[in-house]
mmCIF file of all heavy atoms, coordinates in Angstrom:
data_MODEL
# 
_entry.id   MODEL 
# 
loop_
_atom_site.group_PDB 
_atom_site.id 
_atom_site.type_symbol 
_atom_site.label_atom_id 
_atom_site.label_alt_id 
_atom_site.label_comp_id 
_atom_site.label_asym_id 
_atom_site.label_entity_id 
_atom_site.label_seq_id 
_atom_site.pdbx_PDB_ins_code 
_atom_site.Cartn_x 
_atom_site.Cartn_y 
_atom_site.Cartn_z 
_atom_site.occupancy 
_atom_site.B_iso_or_equiv 
_atom_site.pdbx_formal_charge 
_atom_site.auth_seq_id 
_atom_site.auth_comp_id 
_atom_site.auth_asym_id 
_atom_site.auth_atom_id 
_atom_site.pdbx_PDB_model_num 
ATOM 1   N N   . VAL A 1 1  ? 19.299 -5.172  -46.971 1.00 0.00 ? 1  VAL A N   1 
ATOM 2   C CA  . VAL A 1 1  ? 17.962 -5.277  -47.424 1.00 0.00 ? 1  VAL A CA  1 
ATOM 3   C C   . VAL A 1 1  ? 17.757 -4.114  -48.454 1.00 0.00 ? 1  VAL A C   1 
ATOM 4   O O   . VAL A 1 1  ? 18.042 -2.973  -48.187 1.00 0.00 ? 1  VAL A O   1 
ATOM 5   C CB  . VAL A 1 1  ? 16.971 -5.027  -46.294 1.00 0.00 ? 1  VAL A CB  1 
ATOM 6   C CG1 . VAL A 1 1  ? 15.534 -5.217  -46.943 1.00 0.00 ? 1  VAL A CG1 1 
ATOM 7   C CG2 . VAL A 1 1  ? 17.239 -6.154  -45.246 1.00 0.00 ? 1  VAL A CG2 1 
ATOM 8   N N   . PHE A 1 2  ? 17.368 -4.455  -49.677 1.00 0.00 ? 2  PHE A N   1 
ATOM 9   C CA  . PHE A 1 2  ? 17.099 -3.507  -50.708 1.00 0.00 ? 2  PHE A CA  1 
ATOM 10  C C   . PHE A 1 2  ? 15.693 -3.241  -50.914 1.00 0.00 ? 2  PHE A C   1 
ATOM 11  O O   . PHE A 1 2  ? 14.835 -4.272  -51.181 1.00 0.00 ? 2  PHE A O   1 
ATOM 12  C CB  . PHE A 1 2  ? 17.763 -3.894  -52.043 1.00 0.00 ? 2  PHE A CB  1 
ATOM 13  C CG  . PHE A 1 2  ? 19.183 -4.139  -51.991 1.00 0.00 ? 2  PHE A CG  1 
ATOM 14  C CD1 . PHE A 1 2  ? 19.614 -5.517  -51.758 1.00 0.00 ? 2  PHE A CD1 1 
ATOM 15  C CD2 . PHE A 1 2  ? 20.095 -3.069  -51.965 1.00 0.00 ? 2  PHE A CD2 1 
ATOM 16  C CE1 . PHE A 1 2  ? 21.086 -5.629  -51.698 1.00 0.00 ? 2  PHE A CE1 1 
ATOM 17  C CE2 . PHE A 1 2  ? 21.449 -3.244  -51.977 1.00 0.00 ? 2  PHE A CE2 1 
ATOM 18  C CZ  . PHE A 1 2  ? 21.983 -4.548  -51.801 1.00 0.00 ? 2  PHE A CZ  1 
ATOM 19  N N   . ASP A 1 3  ? 15.181 -2.015  -50.738 1.00 0.00 ? 3  ASP A N   1 
ATOM 20  C CA  . ASP A 1 3  ? 13.758 -1.741  -50.977 1.00 0.00 ? 3  ASP A CA  1 
ATOM 21  C C   . ASP A 1 3  ? 13.421 -1.750  -52.404 1.00 0.00 ? 3  ASP A C   1 
ATOM 22  O O   . ASP A 1 3  ? 14.275 -1.836  -53.266 1.00 0.00 ? 3  ASP A O   1 
ATOM 23  C CB  . ASP A 1 3  ? 13.421 -0.359  -50.245 1.00 0.00 ? 3  ASP A CB  1 
ATOM 24  C CG  . ASP A 1 3  ? 11.992 -0.324  -49.787 1.00 0.00 ? 3  ASP A CG  1 
ATOM 25  O OD1 . ASP A 1 3  ? 11.114 -1.121  -50.222 1.00 0.00 ? 3  ASP A OD1 1 
ATOM 26  O OD2 . ASP A 1 3  ? 11.645 0.512   -48.745 1.00 0.00 ? 3  ASP A OD2 1 
ATOM 27  N N   . SER A 1 4  ? 12.197 -1.562  -52.735 1.00 0.00 ? 4  SER A N   1 
ATOM 28  C CA  . SER A 1 4  ? 11.641 -1.785  -54.130 1.00 0.00 ? 4  SER A CA  1 
ATOM 29  C C   . SER A 1 4  ? 12.150 -0.604  -54.934 1.00 0.00 ? 4  SER A C   1 
ATOM 30  O O   . SER A 1 4  ? 12.058 -0.855  -56.132 1.00 0.00 ? 4  SER A O   1 
ATOM 31  C CB  . SER A 1 4  ? 10.072 -1.868  -54.092 1.00 0.00 ? 4  SER A CB  1 
ATOM 32  O OG  . SER A 1 4  ? 9.560  -0.687  -53.442 1.00 0.00 ? 4  SER A OG  1 
ATOM 33  N N   . ASP A 1 5  ? 12.605 0.441   -54.312 1.00 0.00 ? 5  ASP A N   1 
ATOM 34  C CA  . ASP A 1 5  ? 13.170 1.489   -55.317 1.00 0.00 ? 5  ASP A CA  1 
ATOM 35  C C   . ASP A 1 5  ? 14.664 1.364   -55.651 1.00 0.00 ? 5  ASP A C   1 
ATOM 36  O O   . ASP A 1 5  ? 15.139 2.162   -56.326 1.00 0.00 ? 5  ASP A O   1 
ATOM 37  C CB  . ASP A 1 5  ? 12.789 2.847   -54.741 1.00 0.00 ? 5  ASP A CB  1 
ATOM 38  C CG  . ASP A 1 5  ? 13.492 3.015   -53.263 1.00 0.00 ? 5  ASP A CG  1 
ATOM 39  O OD1 . ASP A 1 5  ? 14.084 2.089   -52.741 1.00 0.00 ? 5  ASP A OD1 1 
ATOM 40  O OD2 . ASP A 1 5  ? 13.366 4.011   -52.685 1.00 0.00 ? 5  ASP A OD2 1 
ATOM 41  N N   . ALA A 1 6  ? 15.271 0.360   -55.013 1.00 0.00 ? 6  ALA A N   1 
ATOM 42  C CA  . ALA A 1 6  ? 16.659 0.129   -55.298 1.00 0.00 ? 6  ALA A CA  1 
ATOM 43  C C   . ALA A 1 6  ? 16.855 -0.415  -56.793 1.00 0.00 ? 6  ALA A C   1 
ATOM 44  O O   . ALA A 1 6  ? 16.173 -1.160  -57.321 1.00 0.00 ? 6  ALA A O   1 
ATOM 45  C CB  . ALA A 1 6  ? 17.274 -0.899  -54.367 1.00 0.00 ? 6  ALA A CB  1 
ATOM 46  N N   . THR A 1 7  ? 17.915 0.254   -57.455 1.00 0.00 ? 7  THR A N   1 
ATOM 47  C CA  . THR A 1 7  ? 18.194 -0.244  -58.849 1.00 0.00 ? 7  THR A CA  1 
ATOM 48  C C   . THR A 1 7  ? 19.206 -1.274  -58.845 1.00 0.00 ? 7  THR A C   1 
ATOM 49  O O   . THR A 1 7  ? 19.750 -1.668  -57.704 1.00 0.00 ? 7  THR A O   1 
ATOM 50  C CB  . THR A 1 7  ? 18.886 1.033   -59.635 1.00 0.00 ? 7  THR A CB  1 
ATOM 51  O OG1 . THR A 1 7  ? 20.185 1.202   -58.965 1.00 0.00 ? 7  THR A OG1 1 
ATOM 52  C CG2 . THR A 1 7  ? 18.022 2.227   -59.511 1.00 0.00 ? 7  THR A CG2 1 
ATOM 53  N N   . ASN A 1 8  ? 19.347 -2.018  -60.012 1.00 0.00 ? 8  ASN A N   1 
ATOM 54  C CA  . ASN A 1 8  ? 20.309 -3.092  -60.010 1.00 0.00 ? 8  ASN A CA  1 
ATOM 55  C C   . ASN A 1 8  ? 21.659 -2.566  -59.654 1.00 0.00 ? 8  ASN A C   1 
ATOM 56  O O   . ASN A 1 8  ? 22.533 -3.298  -59.099 1.00 0.00 ? 8  ASN A O   1 
ATOM 57  C CB  . ASN A 1 8  ? 20.268 -3.700  -61.485 1.00 0.00 ? 8  ASN A CB  1 
ATOM 58  C CG  . ASN A 1 8  ? 19.297 -4.897  -61.597 1.00 0.00 ? 8  ASN A CG  1 
ATOM 59  O OD1 . ASN A 1 8  ? 18.430 -5.047  -60.668 1.00 0.00 ? 8  ASN A OD1 1 
ATOM 60  N ND2 . ASN A 1 8  ? 19.292 -5.603  -62.602 1.00 0.00 ? 8  ASN A ND2 1 
ATOM 61  N N   . GLU A 1 9  ? 22.022 -1.326  -60.063 1.00 0.00 ? 9  GLU A N   1 
ATOM 62  C CA  . GLU A 1 9  ? 23.388 -0.719  -59.717 1.00 0.00 ? 9  GLU A CA  1 
ATOM 63  C C   . GLU A 1 9  ? 23.540 -0.670  -58.271 1.00 0.00 ? 9  GLU A C   1 
ATOM 64  O O   . GLU A 1 9  ? 24.534 -1.036  -57.755 1.00 0.00 ? 9  GLU A O   1 
ATOM 65  C CB  . GLU A 1 9  ? 23.389 0.633   -60.319 1.00 0.00 ? 9  GLU A CB  1 
ATOM 66  C CG  . GLU A 1 9  ? 24.704 1.423   -60.203 1.00 0.00 ? 9  GLU A CG  1 
ATOM 67  C CD  . GLU A 1 9  ? 25.891 0.840   -60.984 1.00 0.00 ? 9  GLU A CD  1 
ATOM 68  O OE1 . GLU A 1 9  ? 25.632 0.571   -62.167 1.00 0.00 ? 9  GLU A OE1 1 
ATOM 69  O OE2 . GLU A 1 9  ? 26.848 0.642   -60.403 1.00 0.00 ? 9  GLU A OE2 1 
ATOM 70  N N   . ASP A 1 10 ? 22.421 -0.172  -57.512 1.00 0.00 ? 10 ASP A N   1 
ATOM 71  C CA  . ASP A 1 10 ? 22.512 -0.182  -56.022 1.00 0.00 ? 10 ASP A CA  1 
ATOM 72  C C   . ASP A 1 10 ? 22.798 -1.617  -55.386 1.00 0.00 ? 10 ASP A C   1 
ATOM 73  O O   . ASP A 1 10 ? 23.671 -1.820  -54.610 1.00 0.00 ? 10 ASP A O   1 
ATOM 74  C CB  . ASP A 1 10 ? 21.159 0.193   -55.434 1.00 0.00 ? 10 ASP A CB  1 
ATOM 75  C CG  . ASP A 1 10 ? 20.873 1.670   -55.877 1.00 0.00 ? 10 ASP A CG  1 
ATOM 76  O OD1 . ASP A 1 10 ? 21.787 2.448   -56.203 1.00 0.00 ? 10 ASP A OD1 1 
ATOM 77  O OD2 . ASP A 1 10 ? 19.727 2.023   -55.894 1.00 0.00 ? 10 ASP A OD2 1 
ATOM 78  N N   . VAL A 1 11 ? 22.050 -2.617  -56.065 1.00 0.00 ? 11 VAL A N   1 
ATOM 79  C CA  . VAL A 1 11 ? 22.203 -3.931  -55.528 1.00 0.00 ? 11 VAL A CA  1 
ATOM 80  C C   . VAL A 1 11 ? 23.579 -4.485  -55.740 1.00 0.00 ? 11 VAL A C   1 
ATOM 81  O O   . VAL A 1 11 ? 24.387 -5.040  -54.923 1.00 0.00 ? 11 VAL A O   1 
ATOM 82  C CB  . VAL A 1 11 ? 21.219 -4.876  -56.135 1.00 0.00 ? 11 VAL A CB  1 
ATOM 83  C CG1 . VAL A 1 11 ? 21.421 -6.336  -55.782 1.00 0.00 ? 11 VAL A CG1 1 
ATOM 84  C CG2 . VAL A 1 11 ? 19.786 -4.471  -55.757 1.00 0.00 ? 11 VAL A CG2 1 
ATOM 85  N N   . TYR A 1 12 ? 24.041 -4.224  -56.901 1.00 0.00 ? 12 TYR A N   1 
ATOM 86  C CA  . TYR A 1 12 ? 25.414 -4.628  -57.498 1.00 0.00 ? 12 TYR A CA  1 
ATOM 87  C C   . TYR A 1 12 ? 26.518 -4.184  -56.563 1.00 0.00 ? 12 TYR A C   1 
ATOM 88  O O   . TYR A 1 12 ? 27.319 -4.850  -56.060 1.00 0.00 ? 12 TYR A O   1 
ATOM 89  C CB  . TYR A 1 12 ? 25.674 -4.166  -58.955 1.00 0.00 ? 12 TYR A CB  1 
ATOM 90  C CG  . TYR A 1 12 ? 27.099 -4.375  -59.330 1.00 0.00 ? 12 TYR A CG  1 
ATOM 91  C CD1 . TYR A 1 12 ? 27.611 -5.512  -59.533 1.00 0.00 ? 12 TYR A CD1 1 
ATOM 92  C CD2 . TYR A 1 12 ? 27.864 -3.245  -59.618 1.00 0.00 ? 12 TYR A CD2 1 
ATOM 93  C CE1 . TYR A 1 12 ? 28.812 -5.800  -59.864 1.00 0.00 ? 12 TYR A CE1 1 
ATOM 94  C CE2 . TYR A 1 12 ? 29.214 -3.402  -59.933 1.00 0.00 ? 12 TYR A CE2 1 
ATOM 95  C CZ  . TYR A 1 12 ? 29.780 -4.709  -60.038 1.00 0.00 ? 12 TYR A CZ  1 
ATOM 96  O OH  . TYR A 1 12 ? 31.018 -4.843  -60.477 1.00 0.00 ? 12 TYR A OH  1 
ATOM 97  N N   . ARG A 1 13 ? 26.521 -2.759  -56.314 1.00 0.00 ? 13 ARG A N   1 
ATOM 98  C CA  . ARG A 1 13 ? 27.467 -2.158  -55.431 1.00 0.00 ? 13 ARG A CA  1 
ATOM 99  C C   . ARG A 1 13 ? 27.690 -2.832  -54.172 1.00 0.00 ? 13 ARG A C   1 
ATOM 100 O O   . ARG A 1 13 ? 28.779 -2.985  -53.627 1.00 0.00 ? 13 ARG A O   1 
ATOM 101 C CB  . ARG A 1 13 ? 27.206 -0.718  -55.242 1.00 0.00 ? 13 ARG A CB  1 
ATOM 102 C CG  . ARG A 1 13 ? 27.427 0.268   -56.358 1.00 0.00 ? 13 ARG A CG  1 
ATOM 103 C CD  . ARG A 1 13 ? 28.953 0.630   -56.511 1.00 0.00 ? 13 ARG A CD  1 
ATOM 104 N NE  . ARG A 1 13 ? 29.195 0.772   -57.861 1.00 0.00 ? 13 ARG A NE  1 
ATOM 105 C CZ  . ARG A 1 13 ? 30.407 0.290   -58.436 1.00 0.00 ? 13 ARG A CZ  1 
ATOM 106 N NH1 . ARG A 1 13 ? 31.193 -0.333  -57.709 1.00 0.00 ? 13 ARG A NH1 1 
ATOM 107 N NH2 . ARG A 1 13 ? 30.499 0.434   -59.692 1.00 0.00 ? 13 ARG A NH2 1 
ATOM 108 N N   . ARG A 1 14 ? 26.566 -3.348  -53.587 1.00 0.00 ? 14 ARG A N   1 
ATOM 109 C CA  . ARG A 1 14 ? 26.665 -3.866  -52.234 1.00 0.00 ? 14 ARG A CA  1 
ATOM 110 C C   . ARG A 1 14 ? 26.662 -5.410  -52.245 1.00 0.00 ? 14 ARG A C   1 
ATOM 111 O O   . ARG A 1 14 ? 26.670 -6.084  -51.097 1.00 0.00 ? 14 ARG A O   1 
ATOM 112 C CB  . ARG A 1 14 ? 25.579 -3.216  -51.360 1.00 0.00 ? 14 ARG A CB  1 
ATOM 113 C CG  . ARG A 1 14 ? 25.957 -1.887  -50.900 1.00 0.00 ? 14 ARG A CG  1 
ATOM 114 C CD  . ARG A 1 14 ? 24.825 -0.930  -50.739 1.00 0.00 ? 14 ARG A CD  1 
ATOM 115 N NE  . ARG A 1 14 ? 23.864 -1.359  -49.783 1.00 0.00 ? 14 ARG A NE  1 
ATOM 116 C CZ  . ARG A 1 14 ? 22.649 -0.839  -49.608 1.00 0.00 ? 14 ARG A CZ  1 
ATOM 117 N NH1 . ARG A 1 14 ? 22.311 0.232   -50.336 1.00 0.00 ? 14 ARG A NH1 1 
ATOM 118 N NH2 . ARG A 1 14 ? 21.725 -1.232  -48.765 1.00 0.00 ? 14 ARG A NH2 1 
ATOM 119 N N   . THR A 1 15 ? 26.517 -6.058  -53.300 1.00 0.00 ? 15 THR A N   1 
ATOM 120 C CA  . THR A 1 15 ? 26.635 -7.611  -53.394 1.00 0.00 ? 15 THR A CA  1 
ATOM 121 C C   . THR A 1 15 ? 27.770 -8.046  -54.215 1.00 0.00 ? 15 THR A C   1 
ATOM 122 O O   . THR A 1 15 ? 28.717 -8.724  -53.626 1.00 0.00 ? 15 THR A O   1 
ATOM 123 C CB  . THR A 1 15 ? 25.294 -8.143  -53.882 1.00 0.00 ? 15 THR A CB  1 
ATOM 124 O OG1 . THR A 1 15 ? 25.113 -7.588  -55.223 1.00 0.00 ? 15 THR A OG1 1 
ATOM 125 C CG2 . THR A 1 15 ? 24.204 -7.811  -53.002 1.00 0.00 ? 15 THR A CG2 1 
ATOM 126 N N   . ALA A 1 16 ? 27.686 -7.887  -55.486 1.00 0.00 ? 16 ALA A N   1 
ATOM 127 C CA  . ALA A 1 16 ? 28.676 -8.468  -56.354 1.00 0.00 ? 16 ALA A CA  1 
ATOM 128 C C   . ALA A 1 16 ? 29.918 -7.674  -56.591 1.00 0.00 ? 16 ALA A C   1 
ATOM 129 O O   . ALA A 1 16 ? 30.979 -8.311  -56.878 1.00 0.00 ? 16 ALA A O   1 
ATOM 130 C CB  . ALA A 1 16 ? 28.048 -8.738  -57.730 1.00 0.00 ? 16 ALA A CB  1 
ATOM 131 N N   . TYR A 1 17 ? 29.943 -6.412  -56.412 1.00 0.00 ? 17 TYR A N   1 
ATOM 132 C CA  . TYR A 1 17 ? 31.105 -5.671  -56.467 1.00 0.00 ? 17 TYR A CA  1 
ATOM 133 C C   . TYR A 1 17 ? 32.298 -6.055  -55.610 1.00 0.00 ? 17 TYR A C   1 
ATOM 134 O O   . TYR A 1 17 ? 33.480 -6.259  -56.127 1.00 0.00 ? 17 TYR A O   1 
ATOM 135 C CB  . TYR A 1 17 ? 30.890 -4.122  -56.508 1.00 0.00 ? 17 TYR A CB  1 
ATOM 136 C CG  . TYR A 1 17 ? 32.092 -3.256  -56.763 1.00 0.00 ? 17 TYR A CG  1 
ATOM 137 C CD1 . TYR A 1 17 ? 32.681 -3.362  -57.874 1.00 0.00 ? 17 TYR A CD1 1 
ATOM 138 C CD2 . TYR A 1 17 ? 32.658 -2.446  -55.689 1.00 0.00 ? 17 TYR A CD2 1 
ATOM 139 C CE1 . TYR A 1 17 ? 33.923 -2.516  -58.085 1.00 0.00 ? 17 TYR A CE1 1 
ATOM 140 C CE2 . TYR A 1 17 ? 33.679 -1.740  -55.912 1.00 0.00 ? 17 TYR A CE2 1 
ATOM 141 C CZ  . TYR A 1 17 ? 34.386 -1.782  -57.105 1.00 0.00 ? 17 TYR A CZ  1 
ATOM 142 O OH  . TYR A 1 17 ? 35.546 -1.016  -57.291 1.00 0.00 ? 17 TYR A OH  1 
ATOM 143 N N   . PRO A 1 18 ? 32.052 -6.209  -54.392 1.00 0.00 ? 18 PRO A N   1 
ATOM 144 C CA  . PRO A 1 18 ? 33.187 -6.723  -53.530 1.00 0.00 ? 18 PRO A CA  1 
ATOM 145 C C   . PRO A 1 18 ? 33.711 -8.027  -54.116 1.00 0.00 ? 18 PRO A C   1 
ATOM 146 O O   . PRO A 1 18 ? 34.891 -8.276  -53.901 1.00 0.00 ? 18 PRO A O   1 
ATOM 147 C CB  . PRO A 1 18 ? 32.509 -6.877  -52.112 1.00 0.00 ? 18 PRO A CB  1 
ATOM 148 C CG  . PRO A 1 18 ? 31.339 -5.949  -52.174 1.00 0.00 ? 18 PRO A CG  1 
ATOM 149 C CD  . PRO A 1 18 ? 30.815 -5.956  -53.571 1.00 0.00 ? 18 PRO A CD  1 
ATOM 150 N N   . LEU A 1 19 ? 32.981 -9.000  -54.595 1.00 0.00 ? 19 LEU A N   1 
ATOM 151 C CA  . LEU A 1 19 ? 33.304 -10.217 -55.214 1.00 0.00 ? 19 LEU A CA  1 
ATOM 152 C C   . LEU A 1 19 ? 34.270 -9.999  -56.340 1.00 0.00 ? 19 LEU A C   1 
ATOM 153 O O   . LEU A 1 19 ? 35.146 -10.721 -56.546 1.00 0.00 ? 19 LEU A O   1 
ATOM 154 C CB  . LEU A 1 19 ? 32.081 -11.027 -55.565 1.00 0.00 ? 19 LEU A CB  1 
ATOM 155 C CG  . LEU A 1 19 ? 31.157 -11.368 -54.525 1.00 0.00 ? 19 LEU A CG  1 
ATOM 156 C CD1 . LEU A 1 19 ? 29.946 -12.340 -55.018 1.00 0.00 ? 19 LEU A CD1 1 
ATOM 157 C CD2 . LEU A 1 19 ? 31.883 -12.025 -53.292 1.00 0.00 ? 19 LEU A CD2 1 
ATOM 158 N N   . VAL A 1 20 ? 34.019 -9.076  -57.257 1.00 0.00 ? 20 VAL A N   1 
ATOM 159 C CA  . VAL A 1 20 ? 34.783 -8.678  -58.387 1.00 0.00 ? 20 VAL A CA  1 
ATOM 160 C C   . VAL A 1 20 ? 36.175 -8.401  -57.866 1.00 0.00 ? 20 VAL A C   1 
ATOM 161 O O   . VAL A 1 20 ? 37.230 -8.672  -58.412 1.00 0.00 ? 20 VAL A O   1 
ATOM 162 C CB  . VAL A 1 20 ? 34.255 -7.492  -59.288 1.00 0.00 ? 20 VAL A CB  1 
ATOM 163 C CG1 . VAL A 1 20 ? 35.095 -7.028  -60.336 1.00 0.00 ? 20 VAL A CG1 1 
ATOM 164 C CG2 . VAL A 1 20 ? 32.857 -8.066  -59.816 1.00 0.00 ? 20 VAL A CG2 1 
ATOM 165 N N   . GLN A 1 21 ? 36.206 -7.438  -56.830 1.00 0.00 ? 21 GLN A N   1 
ATOM 166 C CA  . GLN A 1 21 ? 37.570 -7.023  -56.300 1.00 0.00 ? 21 GLN A CA  1 
ATOM 167 C C   . GLN A 1 21 ? 38.241 -8.373  -55.786 1.00 0.00 ? 21 GLN A C   1 
ATOM 168 O O   . GLN A 1 21 ? 39.556 -8.406  -55.968 1.00 0.00 ? 21 GLN A O   1 
ATOM 169 C CB  . GLN A 1 21 ? 37.303 -6.025  -55.110 1.00 0.00 ? 21 GLN A CB  1 
ATOM 170 C CG  . GLN A 1 21 ? 36.760 -4.794  -55.712 1.00 0.00 ? 21 GLN A CG  1 
ATOM 171 C CD  . GLN A 1 21 ? 36.381 -3.812  -54.516 1.00 0.00 ? 21 GLN A CD  1 
ATOM 172 O OE1 . GLN A 1 21 ? 35.594 -4.119  -53.734 1.00 0.00 ? 21 GLN A OE1 1 
ATOM 173 N NE2 . GLN A 1 21 ? 37.033 -2.704  -54.511 1.00 0.00 ? 21 GLN A NE2 1 
ATOM 174 N N   . TYR A 1 22 ? 37.634 -9.192  -55.120 1.00 0.00 ? 22 TYR A N   1 
ATOM 175 C CA  . TYR A 1 22 ? 38.136 -10.369 -54.556 1.00 0.00 ? 22 TYR A CA  1 
ATOM 176 C C   . TYR A 1 22 ? 38.657 -11.356 -55.698 1.00 0.00 ? 22 TYR A C   1 
ATOM 177 O O   . TYR A 1 22 ? 39.711 -12.005 -55.481 1.00 0.00 ? 22 TYR A O   1 
ATOM 178 C CB  . TYR A 1 22 ? 37.079 -11.179 -53.748 1.00 0.00 ? 22 TYR A CB  1 
ATOM 179 C CG  . TYR A 1 22 ? 37.641 -12.319 -52.995 1.00 0.00 ? 22 TYR A CG  1 
ATOM 180 C CD1 . TYR A 1 22 ? 38.617 -12.187 -52.016 1.00 0.00 ? 22 TYR A CD1 1 
ATOM 181 C CD2 . TYR A 1 22 ? 37.185 -13.608 -53.215 1.00 0.00 ? 22 TYR A CD2 1 
ATOM 182 C CE1 . TYR A 1 22 ? 39.105 -13.214 -51.309 1.00 0.00 ? 22 TYR A CE1 1 
ATOM 183 C CE2 . TYR A 1 22 ? 37.730 -14.662 -52.556 1.00 0.00 ? 22 TYR A CE2 1 
ATOM 184 C CZ  . TYR A 1 22 ? 38.592 -14.364 -51.522 1.00 0.00 ? 22 TYR A CZ  1 
ATOM 185 O OH  . TYR A 1 22 ? 39.178 -15.573 -50.805 1.00 0.00 ? 22 TYR A OH  1 
ATOM 186 N N   . LEU A 1 23 ? 37.967 -11.421 -56.816 1.00 0.00 ? 23 LEU A N   1 
ATOM 187 C CA  . LEU A 1 23 ? 38.418 -12.109 -58.027 1.00 0.00 ? 23 LEU A CA  1 
ATOM 188 C C   . LEU A 1 23 ? 39.763 -11.741 -58.359 1.00 0.00 ? 23 LEU A C   1 
ATOM 189 O O   . LEU A 1 23 ? 40.523 -12.806 -58.712 1.00 0.00 ? 23 LEU A O   1 
ATOM 190 C CB  . LEU A 1 23 ? 37.379 -11.902 -59.117 1.00 0.00 ? 23 LEU A CB  1 
ATOM 191 C CG  . LEU A 1 23 ? 37.713 -12.402 -60.469 1.00 0.00 ? 23 LEU A CG  1 
ATOM 192 C CD1 . LEU A 1 23 ? 37.561 -13.881 -60.558 1.00 0.00 ? 23 LEU A CD1 1 
ATOM 193 C CD2 . LEU A 1 23 ? 36.840 -11.788 -61.413 1.00 0.00 ? 23 LEU A CD2 1 
ATOM 194 N N   . PHE A 1 24 ? 40.071 -10.520 -58.364 1.00 0.00 ? 24 PHE A N   1 
ATOM 195 C CA  . PHE A 1 24 ? 41.432 -9.987  -58.817 1.00 0.00 ? 24 PHE A CA  1 
ATOM 196 C C   . PHE A 1 24 ? 42.448 -10.253 -57.702 1.00 0.00 ? 24 PHE A C   1 
ATOM 197 O O   . PHE A 1 24 ? 43.669 -10.024 -57.952 1.00 0.00 ? 24 PHE A O   1 
ATOM 198 C CB  . PHE A 1 24 ? 41.372 -8.472  -59.221 1.00 0.00 ? 24 PHE A CB  1 
ATOM 199 C CG  . PHE A 1 24 ? 40.772 -8.308  -60.614 1.00 0.00 ? 24 PHE A CG  1 
ATOM 200 C CD1 . PHE A 1 24 ? 39.430 -8.218  -60.870 1.00 0.00 ? 24 PHE A CD1 1 
ATOM 201 C CD2 . PHE A 1 24 ? 41.721 -8.421  -61.648 1.00 0.00 ? 24 PHE A CD2 1 
ATOM 202 C CE1 . PHE A 1 24 ? 39.078 -8.087  -62.153 1.00 0.00 ? 24 PHE A CE1 1 
ATOM 203 C CE2 . PHE A 1 24 ? 41.247 -8.362  -63.054 1.00 0.00 ? 24 PHE A CE2 1 
ATOM 204 C CZ  . PHE A 1 24 ? 39.872 -8.159  -63.155 1.00 0.00 ? 24 PHE A CZ  1 
ATOM 205 N N   . GLU A 1 25 ? 42.035 -10.789 -56.553 1.00 0.00 ? 25 GLU A N   1 
ATOM 206 C CA  . GLU A 1 25 ? 43.050 -11.136 -55.565 1.00 0.00 ? 25 GLU A CA  1 
ATOM 207 C C   . GLU A 1 25 ? 43.305 -12.521 -55.771 1.00 0.00 ? 25 GLU A C   1 
ATOM 208 O O   . GLU A 1 25 ? 43.891 -13.111 -54.795 1.00 0.00 ? 25 GLU A O   1 
ATOM 209 C CB  . GLU A 1 25 ? 42.492 -10.699 -54.109 1.00 0.00 ? 25 GLU A CB  1 
ATOM 210 C CG  . GLU A 1 25 ? 42.388 -9.231  -53.903 1.00 0.00 ? 25 GLU A CG  1 
ATOM 211 C CD  . GLU A 1 25 ? 41.507 -9.001  -52.668 1.00 0.00 ? 25 GLU A CD  1 
ATOM 212 O OE1 . GLU A 1 25 ? 41.274 -9.920  -51.758 1.00 0.00 ? 25 GLU A OE1 1 
ATOM 213 O OE2 . GLU A 1 25 ? 40.874 -7.839  -52.544 1.00 0.00 ? 25 GLU A OE2 1 
ATOM 214 N N   . GLY A 1 26 ? 42.724 -13.194 -56.721 1.00 0.00 ? 26 GLY A N   1 
ATOM 215 C CA  . GLY A 1 26 ? 42.993 -14.597 -56.997 1.00 0.00 ? 26 GLY A CA  1 
ATOM 216 C C   . GLY A 1 26 ? 41.961 -15.486 -56.169 1.00 0.00 ? 26 GLY A C   1 
ATOM 217 O O   . GLY A 1 26 ? 42.149 -16.703 -56.103 1.00 0.00 ? 26 GLY A O   1 
ATOM 218 N N   . GLY A 1 27 ? 40.892 -14.842 -55.832 1.00 0.00 ? 27 GLY A N   1 
ATOM 219 C CA  . GLY A 1 27 ? 39.868 -15.695 -55.068 1.00 0.00 ? 27 GLY A CA  1 
ATOM 220 C C   . GLY A 1 27 ? 38.812 -16.298 -55.970 1.00 0.00 ? 27 GLY A C   1 
ATOM 221 O O   . GLY A 1 27 ? 38.668 -16.100 -57.123 1.00 0.00 ? 27 GLY A O   1 
ATOM 222 N N   . LYS A 1 28 ? 38.024 -17.219 -55.227 1.00 0.00 ? 28 LYS A N   1 
ATOM 223 C CA  . LYS A 1 28 ? 36.822 -17.825 -55.919 1.00 0.00 ? 28 LYS A CA  1 
ATOM 224 C C   . LYS A 1 28 ? 35.657 -17.251 -55.207 1.00 0.00 ? 28 LYS A C   1 
ATOM 225 O O   . LYS A 1 28 ? 35.500 -17.210 -53.940 1.00 0.00 ? 28 LYS A O   1 
ATOM 226 C CB  . LYS A 1 28 ? 36.872 -19.329 -55.624 1.00 0.00 ? 28 LYS A CB  1 
ATOM 227 C CG  . LYS A 1 28 ? 38.005 -19.947 -56.423 1.00 0.00 ? 28 LYS A CG  1 
ATOM 228 C CD  . LYS A 1 28 ? 37.873 -21.439 -56.527 1.00 0.00 ? 28 LYS A CD  1 
ATOM 229 C CE  . LYS A 1 28 ? 38.862 -22.113 -57.471 1.00 0.00 ? 28 LYS A CE  1 
ATOM 230 N NZ  . LYS A 1 28 ? 39.648 -23.147 -56.856 1.00 0.00 ? 28 LYS A NZ  1 
ATOM 231 N N   . ALA A 1 29 ? 34.675 -16.728 -56.050 1.00 0.00 ? 29 ALA A N   1 
ATOM 232 C CA  . ALA A 1 29 ? 33.493 -16.118 -55.354 1.00 0.00 ? 29 ALA A CA  1 
ATOM 233 C C   . ALA A 1 29 ? 32.265 -16.597 -56.137 1.00 0.00 ? 29 ALA A C   1 
ATOM 234 O O   . ALA A 1 29 ? 32.382 -16.940 -57.397 1.00 0.00 ? 29 ALA A O   1 
ATOM 235 C CB  . ALA A 1 29 ? 33.603 -14.640 -55.584 1.00 0.00 ? 29 ALA A CB  1 
# 
């Protein structure tokens, strides 16, 4: 859960960044 003071960078680190890592393992995300 991200509060109103969270930046897009904060959200990215905990949502899409793991998917980027998974992309390079040949995955679909």
